Amino acid sequence: MSEKKIMDIIHQRLGDRAHDLLIPPPVFREMNGEFLDFDLTHGILQTRFPVLEKFLNPYGSMQGGMIAAAVDNTFGPLGMLVAPPNVTRRLEMKYSRPVTTGLDFITVEARFIDRQDRWLTFTAEVRDQAGRLLARAKARHWIIE
């Protein structure tokens, strides 16, 4: 599914509220994020973020907080695609491999797991272009309506 189609769905779901929100948010653009695919039936959103020098830590790897930002920048739009407006209340990251400058980009695949009242649960995997697992994440979101 194209990025334009994904953005159209988000705007349709938000209705008049879409005009009051920054979609996509400036941080998504600053990180050069790109929407790759969305599967509404299975609640899956895929994004891609380049590994940029300005996101590196002193060891030459992408800073963990920037990887977490890429994940959160995927959970947020997925939350808008599958539920009423919601915010991240808890984000857990588990890092498996460093994201080095030898990688062109990371891909985040986020999944909507379930909804219990106003709570949403998501999981994500971060992979390199060869498909190697770099990190996993879990998030709990709160529906704000």
Protein backbone atom coordinates (compact mmCIF):
# COMPACT_ATOMS: atom_id res chain seq x y z
CA MET A 1 0.00 0.00 0.00
CA SER A 2 1.40 3.40 -0.92
CA GLU A 3 2.39 6.05 1.60
CA LYS A 4 -0.29 8.37 0.17
CA LYS A 5 -2.98 5.71 0.70
CA ILE A 6 -1.84 5.16 4.29
CA MET A 7 -1.95 8.91 4.97
CA ASP A 8 -5.40 9.13 3.36
CA ILE A 9 -6.70 6.39 5.67
CA ILE A 10 -5.31 8.18 8.74
CA HIS A 11 -6.94 11.45 7.66
CA GLN A 12 -10.26 9.70 6.99
CA ARG A 13 -10.22 8.00 10.40
CA LEU A 14 -9.45 11.26 12.21
CA GLY A 15 -11.99 13.35 10.30
CA ASP A 16 -12.01 17.01 11.33
CA ARG A 17 -9.41 16.32 14.06
CA ALA A 18 -6.79 15.67 11.34
CA HIS A 19 -6.51 19.42 10.71
CA ASP A 20 -5.44 20.03 14.33
CA LEU A 21 -2.67 17.39 14.30
CA LEU A 22 0.78 17.25 12.73
CA ILE A 23 0.50 14.18 10.49
CA PRO A 24 3.02 12.81 9.89
CA PRO A 25 4.74 14.42 12.85
CA PRO A 26 7.84 16.57 12.27
CA VAL A 27 10.05 13.95 14.00
CA PHE A 28 8.98 11.33 11.41
CA ARG A 29 10.08 13.69 8.65
CA GLU A 30 13.29 14.66 10.50
CA MET A 31 14.20 10.97 10.70
CA ASN A 32 13.41 10.59 6.96
CA GLY A 33 10.78 7.97 7.79
CA GLU A 34 8.93 6.23 5.00
CA PHE A 35 5.71 4.21 5.13
CA LEU A 36 6.14 0.92 3.28
CA ASP A 37 2.94 -1.06 3.77
CA PHE A 38 -0.21 -1.35 5.85
CA ASP A 39 -2.37 -4.46 6.33
CA LEU A 40 -5.65 -3.50 8.01
CA THR A 41 -6.86 -7.11 8.25
CA HIS A 42 -3.87 -8.12 10.39
CA GLY A 43 -3.15 -4.68 11.94
CA ILE A 44 0.42 -4.45 10.61
CA LEU A 45 2.29 -1.29 9.57
CA GLN A 46 5.79 -1.32 8.06
CA THR A 47 8.11 1.68 7.97
CA ARG A 48 11.71 2.32 7.01
CA PHE A 49 14.26 4.74 8.46
CA PRO A 50 17.75 5.42 7.10
CA VAL A 51 20.76 4.97 9.36
CA LEU A 52 22.14 8.52 9.42
CA GLU A 53 25.43 9.70 10.91
CA LYS A 54 23.62 12.30 13.03
CA PHE A 55 21.83 9.44 14.87
CA LEU A 56 25.03 7.62 15.93
CA ASN A 57 26.29 7.15 19.46
CA PRO A 58 30.01 7.39 20.41
CA TYR A 59 30.52 3.75 19.34
CA GLY A 60 29.39 4.40 15.77
CA SER A 61 26.06 2.64 16.20
CA MET A 62 22.60 4.13 15.92
CA GLN A 63 21.67 5.42 19.37
CA GLY A 64 19.12 3.22 21.13
CA GLY A 65 16.83 6.19 21.67
CA MET A 66 16.74 6.83 17.92
CA ILE A 67 15.82 3.19 17.29
CA ALA A 68 13.09 3.57 19.91
CA ALA A 69 11.96 6.78 18.15
CA ALA A 70 11.69 4.86 14.87
CA VAL A 71 9.55 2.25 16.63
CA ASP A 72 7.38 4.89 18.32
CA ASN A 73 7.03 6.64 14.95
CA THR A 74 5.54 3.39 13.67
CA PHE A 75 3.34 2.58 16.67
CA GLY A 76 1.81 6.07 16.59
CA PRO A 77 0.47 5.94 13.02
CA LEU A 78 -0.60 2.31 13.48
CA GLY A 79 -2.56 3.40 16.55
CA MET A 80 -4.32 6.04 14.43
CA LEU A 81 -5.08 3.43 11.77
CA VAL A 82 -6.68 0.87 14.11
CA ALA A 83 -8.22 2.86 16.98
CA PRO A 84 -9.47 6.26 18.12
CA PRO A 85 -6.76 8.85 18.96
CA ASN A 86 -4.32 7.39 21.48
CA VAL A 87 -0.93 8.06 23.05
CA THR A 88 2.02 5.93 24.10
CA ARG A 89 1.97 5.23 27.84
CA ARG A 90 4.69 2.58 27.98
CA LEU A 91 7.38 1.55 25.50
CA GLU A 92 9.74 -1.37 26.15
CA MET A 93 12.76 -2.06 23.91
CA LYS A 94 15.03 -5.08 23.73
CA TYR A 95 18.11 -4.61 21.56
CA SER A 96 19.75 -7.66 19.94
CA ARG A 97 22.34 -6.29 17.50
CA PRO A 98 23.92 -2.88 16.90
CA VAL A 99 22.62 -0.76 14.05
CA THR A 100 25.85 0.30 12.36
CA THR A 101 26.67 2.69 9.54
CA GLY A 102 27.16 -0.34 7.28
CA LEU A 103 23.37 -0.61 7.18
CA ASP A 104 21.51 1.65 4.80
CA PHE A 105 18.27 1.56 6.74
CA ILE A 106 16.20 -0.22 9.39
CA THR A 107 12.71 -1.55 8.82
CA VAL A 108 10.11 -1.54 11.59
CA GLU A 109 7.15 -3.89 11.43
CA ALA A 110 4.57 -3.02 14.08
CA ARG A 111 1.54 -5.15 14.96
CA PHE A 112 -1.66 -4.27 16.76
CA ILE A 113 -2.19 -7.08 19.28
CA ASP A 114 -5.37 -6.23 21.17
CA ARG A 115 -7.63 -3.66 22.77
CA GLN A 116 -8.94 -3.89 26.32
CA ASP A 117 -11.26 -1.00 27.13
CA ARG A 118 -9.08 2.08 26.52
CA TRP A 119 -5.78 0.15 26.43
CA LEU A 120 -4.08 -0.91 23.19
CA THR A 121 -1.16 -3.32 22.94
CA PHE A 122 1.38 -3.32 20.11
CA THR A 123 4.56 -5.24 19.33
CA ALA A 124 7.29 -4.50 16.80
CA GLU A 125 10.41 -5.96 15.27
CA VAL A 126 13.29 -3.91 13.89
CA ARG A 127 15.29 -5.56 11.11
CA ASP A 128 18.10 -4.70 8.73
CA GLN A 129 17.86 -5.00 4.94
CA ALA A 130 18.99 -8.65 5.13
CA GLY A 131 16.11 -9.42 7.51
CA ARG A 132 18.27 -9.86 10.64
CA LEU A 133 16.50 -9.03 13.88
CA LEU A 134 18.02 -5.94 15.53
CA ALA A 135 15.48 -5.14 18.24
CA ARG A 136 12.00 -5.94 19.54
CA ALA A 137 9.51 -3.67 21.22
CA LYS A 138 6.22 -3.72 23.06
CA ALA A 139 3.98 -0.75 23.73
CA ARG A 140 0.82 0.08 25.63
CA HIS A 141 -1.24 2.99 24.37
CA TRP A 142 -4.12 4.83 26.03
CA ILE A 143 -7.14 5.94 24.01
CA ILE A 144 -7.58 9.63 24.87
CA GLU A 145 -11.25 10.08 23.92
